[in-house]
Protein backbone atom coordinates (compact mmCIF):
# COMPACT_ATOMS: atom_id res chain seq x y z
CA MET A 1 -15.90 -16.58 -4.48
CA CYS A 2 -14.59 -20.07 -4.17
CA TYR A 3 -12.04 -21.40 -6.23
CA THR A 4 -14.25 -21.79 -9.31
CA LYS A 5 -14.88 -18.25 -9.05
CA TYR A 6 -17.63 -17.44 -11.62
CA SER A 7 -17.91 -14.08 -9.91
CA VAL A 8 -20.19 -12.71 -12.70
CA LEU A 9 -22.94 -14.64 -11.19
CA CYS A 10 -22.67 -12.28 -8.18
CA PHE A 11 -23.77 -9.33 -10.70
CA VAL A 12 -26.47 -11.61 -12.31
CA PHE A 13 -27.66 -12.32 -8.85
CA ALA A 14 -27.74 -8.80 -7.73
CA ALA A 15 -29.74 -7.77 -10.93
CA ILE A 16 -32.35 -10.57 -10.13
CA ILE A 17 -32.90 -9.04 -6.56
CA ILE A 18 -33.26 -5.55 -7.80
CA VAL A 19 -35.79 -6.46 -10.59
CA GLY A 20 -37.72 -8.31 -7.88
CA CYS A 21 -37.58 -5.06 -5.87
CA GLY A 22 -39.15 -2.93 -8.71
CA SER A 23 -36.00 -1.18 -9.79
CA ASN A 24 -33.05 -1.48 -12.19
CA PRO A 25 -29.25 -1.78 -10.95
CA PRO A 26 -27.36 1.56 -11.36
CA GLN A 27 -25.32 1.93 -14.40
CA ASN A 28 -21.59 2.58 -14.20
CA LYS A 29 -20.32 5.68 -16.14
CA LYS A 30 -18.01 4.89 -18.76
CA LYS A 31 -14.46 6.31 -18.25
CA ALA A 32 -11.51 6.53 -20.43
CA SER A 33 -9.07 3.62 -20.77
CA GLY A 34 -6.09 4.16 -18.30
CA GLN A 35 -7.56 7.04 -16.40
CA SER A 36 -5.63 7.52 -13.11
CA SER A 37 -7.46 7.36 -9.76
CA ALA A 38 -5.16 9.97 -8.22
CA ASN A 39 -6.32 13.47 -7.38
CA ILE A 40 -9.59 13.10 -8.90
CA SER A 41 -13.21 13.64 -7.85
CA VAL A 42 -15.87 11.19 -9.17
CA ALA A 43 -19.57 11.86 -8.68
CA GLN A 44 -22.40 9.54 -9.55
CA GLY A 45 -25.54 10.84 -7.99
CA ALA A 46 -25.25 10.80 -4.19
CA ARG A 47 -21.87 9.05 -4.53
CA VAL A 48 -18.70 11.22 -4.49
CA LEU A 49 -15.20 9.82 -4.34
CA SER A 50 -12.33 12.30 -3.83
CA ASP A 51 -8.64 10.98 -3.90
CA LYS A 52 -5.93 12.96 -2.32
CA SER A 53 -3.39 10.14 -2.05
CA ASP A 54 0.46 10.69 -1.89
CA SER A 55 3.43 8.68 -2.02
CA VAL A 56 3.00 7.40 1.71
CA GLN A 57 -0.59 6.77 2.13
CA THR A 58 -4.03 6.40 0.20
CA VAL A 59 -6.37 9.11 1.27
CA LYS A 60 -9.94 8.86 0.00
CA THR A 61 -13.17 10.64 1.00
CA TRP A 62 -16.27 8.69 0.06
CA SER A 63 -19.78 9.96 0.22
CA TRP A 64 -22.70 7.65 -0.28
CA GLU A 65 -26.49 7.39 0.43
CA ASP A 66 -27.94 5.44 3.32
CA TYR A 67 -31.41 3.79 3.48
CA ASN A 68 -32.93 6.96 4.75
CA ARG A 69 -31.52 8.83 1.62
CA LYS A 70 -29.28 10.68 3.98
CA VAL A 71 -25.70 11.48 2.40
CA GLN A 72 -22.94 10.13 4.60
CA SER A 73 -19.20 10.87 4.15
CA ILE A 74 -16.07 9.33 5.57
CA GLU A 75 -12.36 9.80 4.98
CA ILE A 76 -10.45 6.52 4.49
CA LYS A 77 -6.82 6.60 5.08
CA LEU A 78 -4.60 3.66 4.69
CA SER A 79 -0.70 3.51 4.59
CA LYS A 80 0.70 2.11 1.11
CA GLN A 81 2.90 -0.06 3.21
CA GLY A 82 -0.28 -1.56 4.85
CA ILE A 83 -2.01 -2.11 1.56
CA SER A 84 0.94 -3.73 -0.02
CA ALA A 85 1.31 -6.14 3.20
CA SER A 86 -2.29 -6.93 2.88
CA ALA A 87 -1.91 -7.79 -0.89
CA GLU A 88 0.94 -10.12 -0.11
CA ASN A 89 -1.07 -11.67 2.62
CA ARG A 90 -4.03 -12.29 0.06
CA LYS A 91 -1.64 -13.94 -2.43
CA ARG A 92 -1.04 -16.56 0.24
CA LEU A 93 -4.73 -17.60 0.29
CA LYS A 94 -5.37 -21.39 0.67
CA ILE A 95 -8.35 -23.37 0.76
CA SER A 96 -10.43 -23.14 3.95
CA PRO A 97 -9.66 -25.77 6.36
CA MET A 98 -13.41 -25.57 7.50
CA VAL A 99 -15.23 -25.00 4.23
CA LYS A 100 -14.92 -27.11 1.08
CA ASN A 101 -13.70 -25.38 -2.11
CA CYS A 102 -13.63 -21.88 -0.56
CA PRO A 103 -10.81 -19.66 0.22
CA ASP A 104 -9.63 -19.04 4.03
CA TYR A 105 -11.54 -15.76 4.61
CA PHE A 106 -10.52 -15.99 8.31
CA MET A 107 -7.03 -15.21 7.02
CA LEU A 108 -7.98 -12.13 5.23
CA ARG A 109 -10.02 -10.91 8.15
CA GLU A 110 -7.47 -11.51 10.83
CA PHE A 111 -4.57 -9.76 9.02
CA ASP A 112 -6.65 -6.68 7.79
CA ALA A 113 -8.99 -6.11 10.89
CA PRO A 114 -6.08 -4.16 12.82
CA LEU A 115 -5.34 -2.00 9.59
CA LEU A 116 -9.06 -1.08 9.25
CA LYS A 117 -9.50 -0.33 13.12
CA PRO A 118 -9.21 3.43 12.48
CA LEU A 119 -11.92 3.40 9.81
CA SER A 120 -14.01 1.21 12.12
CA ASP A 121 -13.60 3.75 14.72
CA ASP A 122 -14.76 6.56 12.50
CA LEU A 123 -17.95 4.70 11.39
CA SER A 124 -18.73 4.24 15.20
CA LYS A 125 -18.34 7.92 15.70
CA ILE A 126 -20.93 8.71 12.77
CA ALA A 127 -23.32 6.03 14.39
CA GLU A 128 -23.04 7.81 17.64
CA ALA A 129 -23.34 11.20 16.45
CA ASP A 130 -26.58 10.03 14.43
CA GLN A 131 -27.75 7.92 17.60
CA LEU A 132 -27.97 4.69 15.64
CA ASP A 133 -28.69 1.38 17.30
CA GLN A 134 -26.70 -1.79 16.29
CA GLN A 135 -29.01 -2.73 13.40
CA GLU A 136 -28.80 0.90 11.87
CA THR A 137 -25.09 0.90 12.60
CA ALA A 138 -24.62 -2.24 10.46
CA ALA A 139 -26.81 -0.53 7.85
CA LEU A 140 -24.60 2.28 7.67
CA VAL A 141 -21.51 0.13 7.06
CA ILE A 142 -23.47 -1.84 4.51
CA THR A 143 -24.76 1.02 2.43
CA MET A 144 -21.26 2.49 2.35
CA VAL A 145 -20.05 -0.71 0.42
CA GLN A 146 -23.28 -1.15 -1.58
CA ASN A 147 -22.91 2.21 -2.96
CA ILE A 148 -19.54 1.41 -4.55
CA PRO A 149 -20.16 0.22 -8.32
CA TYR A 150 -19.58 -3.43 -9.02
CA THR A 151 -16.38 -4.62 -10.43
CA LEU A 152 -16.00 -8.33 -11.45
CA VAL A 153 -12.97 -10.00 -10.20
CA HIS A 154 -11.06 -12.90 -11.72
CA PRO A 155 -8.34 -15.23 -10.47
CA TYR A 156 -6.95 -15.52 -14.23
CA THR A 157 -6.54 -13.26 -17.18
CA HIS A 158 -9.79 -12.23 -19.12
CA GLU A 159 -9.12 -14.49 -21.89
CA LYS A 160 -8.45 -17.39 -19.77
CA MET A 161 -11.78 -16.74 -17.93
CA GLU A 162 -13.80 -16.63 -21.08
CA GLU A 163 -12.20 -19.84 -22.19
CA ILE A 164 -13.00 -21.46 -18.97
CA ASP A 165 -16.66 -19.96 -19.04
CA SER A 166 -17.30 -21.07 -22.68
CA LYS A 167 -16.37 -24.82 -21.67
CA SER A 168 -19.05 -24.63 -18.96
CA GLY A 169 -21.62 -23.49 -21.52
CA THR A 170 -22.78 -20.32 -19.65
CA GLY A 171 -21.12 -17.53 -21.63
CA PHE A 172 -21.79 -14.99 -18.79
CA ILE A 173 -18.21 -13.76 -18.55
CA LYS A 174 -17.90 -12.99 -22.23
CA GLN A 175 -21.31 -11.19 -22.19
CA TYR A 176 -20.11 -9.15 -19.14
CA HIS A 177 -16.74 -8.46 -20.74
CA SER A 178 -18.70 -7.14 -23.99
CA GLU A 179 -21.26 -4.93 -22.24
CA GLU A 180 -20.52 -1.21 -22.81
CA SER A 181 -21.01 -0.21 -19.29
CA HIS A 182 -18.27 -2.56 -18.19
CA LEU A 183 -15.85 -1.14 -20.92
CA PRO A 184 -12.96 -0.31 -20.67
CA LEU A 185 -12.42 -3.33 -18.41
CA ASN A 186 -9.63 -1.44 -16.68
CA GLN A 187 -11.88 1.65 -15.85
CA SER A 188 -10.90 3.56 -12.63
CA PRO A 189 -11.72 4.36 -9.95
CA TYR A 190 -14.40 1.58 -10.02
CA GLY A 191 -16.29 -0.71 -12.40
CA GLY A 192 -15.12 -2.72 -15.22
CA CYS A 193 -13.44 -5.99 -14.49
CA ALA A 194 -10.15 -6.99 -12.48
CA ASP A 195 -8.12 -9.97 -13.75
CA ASP A 196 -5.35 -11.89 -12.55
CA VAL A 197 -6.28 -11.46 -8.96
CA GLY A 198 -4.81 -14.81 -7.53
CA PRO A 199 -5.20 -17.14 -6.22
CA ALA A 200 -8.99 -16.91 -5.50
CA GLY A 201 -10.31 -13.94 -7.46
CA ILE A 202 -10.78 -11.81 -4.27
CA TYR A 203 -9.37 -8.55 -3.10
CA SER A 204 -8.49 -8.28 0.61
CA PRO A 205 -10.76 -5.68 2.55
CA VAL A 206 -7.76 -3.23 2.76
CA GLU A 207 -7.18 -3.60 -0.93
CA PHE A 208 -10.78 -3.07 -1.59
CA LEU A 209 -11.26 0.01 0.46
CA SER A 210 -8.02 1.43 -0.99
CA GLY A 211 -8.91 0.61 -4.73
CA PHE A 212 -12.62 0.65 -4.51
CA ARG A 213 -12.90 -2.36 -6.87
CA GLY A 214 -14.59 -5.79 -5.97
CA ASP A 215 -17.24 -8.19 -6.50
CA CYS A 216 -19.34 -10.41 -3.99
CA ASP A 217 -16.91 -12.02 -1.47
CA THR A 218 -14.65 -9.01 -1.64
CA ARG A 219 -17.50 -6.91 -0.22
CA THR A 220 -18.96 -9.42 2.23
CA VAL A 221 -15.57 -10.17 3.87
CA THR A 222 -14.91 -6.33 4.02
CA ILE A 223 -18.17 -5.51 5.81
CA HIS A 224 -17.84 -8.31 8.14
CA THR A 225 -14.39 -7.26 9.11
CA LEU A 226 -15.46 -3.77 9.77
CA LEU A 227 -18.68 -5.01 11.72
CA LYS A 228 -16.56 -7.42 13.86
CA ASN A 229 -14.17 -4.50 14.72
CA MET A 230 -17.21 -2.67 15.72
CA GLY A 231 -18.72 -5.46 17.90
CA ILE A 232 -21.56 -6.21 15.55
CA PRO A 233 -22.37 -9.68 14.80
CA SER A 234 -22.53 -10.86 11.30
CA ILE A 235 -21.49 -13.96 8.99
CA VAL A 236 -20.38 -14.24 5.37
CA THR A 237 -22.35 -17.07 3.75
CA ASN A 238 -21.68 -18.70 0.28
CA GLY A 239 -24.27 -20.27 -2.06
CA PRO A 240 -24.35 -21.26 -5.79
CA GLY A 241 -21.87 -19.03 -7.39
CA HIS A 242 -22.24 -16.14 -5.04
CA SER A 243 -21.56 -14.53 -1.47
CA MET A 244 -23.88 -12.81 0.72
CA LEU A 245 -23.69 -11.13 4.24
CA ALA A 246 -26.14 -12.50 6.73
CA LEU A 247 -27.22 -10.68 10.07
CA PRO A 248 -29.10 -11.60 13.18
CA PHE A 249 -31.44 -8.76 13.05
CA LYS A 250 -35.33 -8.90 12.26
CA PRO A 251 -36.07 -7.93 8.58
CA SER A 252 -39.05 -5.98 7.54
CA ASN A 253 -40.31 -9.13 5.90
CA PRO A 254 -41.25 -11.71 8.53
CA ALA A 255 -41.24 -14.68 5.98
CA ALA A 256 -37.58 -13.96 4.70
CA PRO A 257 -35.53 -16.95 4.53
CA PHE A 258 -32.74 -17.50 7.14
CA LEU A 259 -29.93 -19.84 8.15
CA VAL A 260 -29.33 -20.98 11.71
CA HIS A 261 -25.63 -20.45 13.03
CA ASN A 262 -24.94 -21.47 16.55
CA GLY A 263 -28.71 -21.55 17.43
CA VAL A 264 -29.38 -18.01 16.00
CA LYS A 265 -31.26 -17.02 13.02
CA TYR A 266 -29.35 -14.90 10.41
CA TYR A 267 -31.17 -13.18 7.44
CA PHE A 268 -29.43 -12.69 3.92
CA LEU A 269 -28.47 -9.40 2.57
CA GLU A 270 -27.14 -8.52 -0.93
CA THR A 271 -23.98 -6.24 -0.83
CA THR A 272 -23.26 -5.93 -4.63
CA VAL A 273 -25.75 -3.09 -5.44
CA PHE A 274 -27.54 -0.12 -4.12
CA TYR A 275 -30.89 1.32 -5.57
CA ASN A 276 -33.05 4.46 -4.80
CA ASN A 277 -36.45 4.61 -6.44
CA GLN A 278 -40.22 5.12 -5.69
CA GLN A 279 -40.27 1.89 -3.98
CA GLY A 280 -37.53 2.96 -1.54
CA THR A 281 -33.87 2.13 -1.00
CA GLY A 282 -32.12 -1.06 -0.80
CA PRO A 283 -31.53 -4.19 -1.12
CA ARG A 284 -32.21 -4.50 2.70
CA LEU A 285 -32.09 -7.41 5.08
CA GLY A 286 -34.21 -10.06 3.81
CA ASP A 287 -34.57 -8.95 0.22
CA VAL A 288 -33.84 -12.04 -1.81
CA PRO A 289 -35.14 -13.54 -5.12
CA LYS A 290 -38.16 -15.72 -5.33
CA ASN A 291 -37.54 -19.36 -5.04
CA PHE A 292 -34.39 -18.52 -2.92
CA ASP A 293 -33.34 -21.77 -1.20
CA ALA A 294 -31.58 -21.05 2.28
CA SER A 295 -30.47 -24.79 2.50
CA GLN A 296 -28.02 -24.14 -0.30
CA TRP A 297 -26.03 -21.47 1.69
CA PHE A 298 -23.34 -22.10 4.35
CA PRO A 299 -21.45 -19.92 6.71
CA VAL A 300 -17.91 -19.47 5.64
CA LEU A 301 -16.76 -16.57 7.97
CA TYR A 302 -18.22 -15.75 11.38
């Protein structure tokens, strides 16, 4: 997120949230370098990804676990022509005219929303069959994305990002690159680290849902785009080195921090990880670390 794009902070932020909820972030399984994502079936607990893509379209069936521990499943079909067009649009990203130092997320949403309309309609059908209300429908879409293992996304090469990071004195990126669960960095179909994703270190929603690799703002913009197609309000909010979704629904914690947008309270939600343990499932709406400062977060897509 944003042009400085220390996306690794998204992963660290997610880990802090999960520790605060009494759990550990799920571990990515190590995969062989260069493994193809075509005609594969990958299972990780309740997560199952099947790929039956051909030369014309990407066809993936994704199964995931929702907050009620129910396994949901959906087929994602996207034309390769549409994916290429979405990628070319993403490469034209510029600084937002409304938000300082951040990409123009509106541009991504407006281009990709029509391409994702069939998927949005299919998600609405699942919600209707399960008799979900608006908040529960939003949770269906959110858990679909939360369950996709995290991939750090850089605007420059791995080496260049380590060099930039070393000058800032954090060392997070080099540490991320060296951790066994993230190796090989080009692991597929998800996980690892994607580099040279210019100009802002973000994949478009269509790229994310066809490639299953993305970090914080890739996910928040994707969920927001799907929810907007479905008529469900949400905003993308960016803060210190991270991007979160925010929704105008009541969280279980009445003391959860919020921001006010157009006179409405929006509560924060983490999208980069999913947990299922004795304490429950999540992260859910309002789950944020201790000492979370809502005043440092600003709406960037609405």
